[in-house]
Amino acid sequence: MIGFIVAGLIIGALARLIKPGKQNLGIVATLLLGLVGSVIGGTIANLLGTGDIFELNVLGFIIAVIASVLLIGVAEAVAGRKRTTVR
């Protein structure tokens, strides 16, 4: 379980590096989205039969990074929309 959390944190950091442009999310939000992306990647890899959800494998890692990049993009869009409506 601790390895899963550490992998999620690493995935969140990688997703932040991959996502182009300036990001207005804090590091804690990015890392939490990395954990969520890690769960999504593990679940999809499990559904494809490549391993258990908590097992680190290449396909699950790649899907987790992609999911995290998408989650960060969605979170930034939602955060940006809230800022523009306040003004």
Protein backbone atom coordinates (compact mmCIF):
# COMPACT_ATOMS: atom_id res chain seq x y z
CA MET A 1 0.00 0.00 0.00
CA ILE A 2 2.85 2.40 0.79
CA GLY A 3 4.45 1.53 -2.55
CA PHE A 4 1.15 2.36 -4.24
CA ILE A 5 1.11 5.80 -2.59
CA VAL A 6 4.73 6.47 -3.54
CA ALA A 7 4.05 5.38 -7.13
CA GLY A 8 1.03 7.71 -7.22
CA LEU A 9 3.15 10.61 -6.02
CA ILE A 10 5.76 9.90 -8.68
CA ILE A 11 3.05 9.63 -11.34
CA GLY A 12 1.60 13.00 -10.26
CA ALA A 13 5.03 14.61 -10.52
CA LEU A 14 5.61 13.11 -13.97
CA ALA A 15 2.19 14.25 -15.15
CA ARG A 16 2.99 17.77 -14.05
CA LEU A 17 6.24 17.69 -16.01
CA ILE A 18 4.53 16.30 -19.11
CA LYS A 19 1.62 18.79 -19.07
CA PRO A 20 2.68 21.83 -21.09
CA GLY A 21 2.20 25.41 -19.98
CA LYS A 22 1.96 27.12 -16.63
CA GLN A 23 -0.01 25.19 -14.07
CA ASN A 24 -2.01 26.93 -11.40
CA LEU A 25 -2.45 23.87 -9.20
CA GLY A 26 -0.55 23.43 -5.99
CA ILE A 27 1.82 20.54 -5.48
CA VAL A 28 -0.55 18.81 -3.04
CA ALA A 29 -3.41 18.90 -5.57
CA THR A 30 -1.08 17.59 -8.27
CA LEU A 31 0.09 14.74 -6.08
CA LEU A 32 -3.47 13.83 -5.10
CA LEU A 33 -4.46 13.78 -8.77
CA GLY A 34 -1.45 11.52 -9.34
CA LEU A 35 -2.83 9.12 -6.74
CA VAL A 36 -6.22 9.15 -8.45
CA GLY A 37 -4.54 8.58 -11.81
CA SER A 38 -2.63 5.70 -10.27
CA VAL A 39 -5.88 4.08 -9.15
CA ILE A 40 -7.37 4.58 -12.62
CA GLY A 41 -4.28 3.11 -14.30
CA GLY A 42 -4.22 0.13 -11.96
CA THR A 43 -7.92 -0.51 -12.47
CA ILE A 44 -7.68 -0.39 -16.27
CA ALA A 45 -4.59 -2.62 -16.25
CA ASN A 46 -6.45 -5.04 -13.98
CA LEU A 47 -9.45 -5.06 -16.34
CA LEU A 48 -7.10 -5.80 -19.24
CA GLY A 49 -5.64 -8.71 -17.28
CA THR A 50 -2.06 -7.47 -16.99
CA GLY A 51 -1.92 -7.61 -13.20
CA ASP A 52 -3.51 -6.67 -9.91
CA ILE A 53 -4.60 -3.09 -9.20
CA PHE A 54 -1.85 -2.67 -6.59
CA GLU A 55 0.80 -4.34 -8.73
CA LEU A 56 3.20 -2.05 -10.55
CA ASN A 57 3.39 -2.92 -14.24
CA VAL A 58 4.33 -1.03 -17.38
CA LEU A 59 0.85 -0.77 -18.90
CA GLY A 60 -0.72 0.37 -15.63
CA PHE A 61 2.03 2.96 -15.17
CA ILE A 62 1.58 4.38 -18.67
CA ILE A 63 -2.20 4.55 -18.31
CA ALA A 64 -1.81 6.14 -14.86
CA VAL A 65 0.44 8.88 -16.23
CA ILE A 66 -1.97 9.59 -19.10
CA ALA A 67 -4.93 9.66 -16.71
CA SER A 68 -3.06 12.00 -14.37
CA VAL A 69 -2.20 14.42 -17.18
CA LEU A 70 -5.87 14.48 -18.20
CA LEU A 71 -7.01 14.95 -14.59
CA ILE A 72 -4.59 17.84 -14.11
CA GLY A 73 -5.90 19.45 -17.29
CA VAL A 74 -9.51 19.09 -16.12
CA ALA A 75 -8.68 20.42 -12.65
CA GLU A 76 -6.91 23.44 -14.14
CA ALA A 77 -9.87 24.14 -16.42
CA VAL A 78 -12.28 23.98 -13.48
CA ALA A 79 -10.01 26.14 -11.32
CA GLY A 80 -9.57 28.66 -14.15
CA ARG A 81 -13.31 28.84 -14.74
CA LYS A 82 -13.95 29.58 -11.06
CA ARG A 83 -11.39 32.39 -11.12
CA THR A 84 -12.91 34.04 -14.17
CA THR A 85 -16.45 33.98 -12.76
CA VAL A 86 -15.36 35.59 -9.48
CA ARG A 87 -13.92 38.64 -11.19
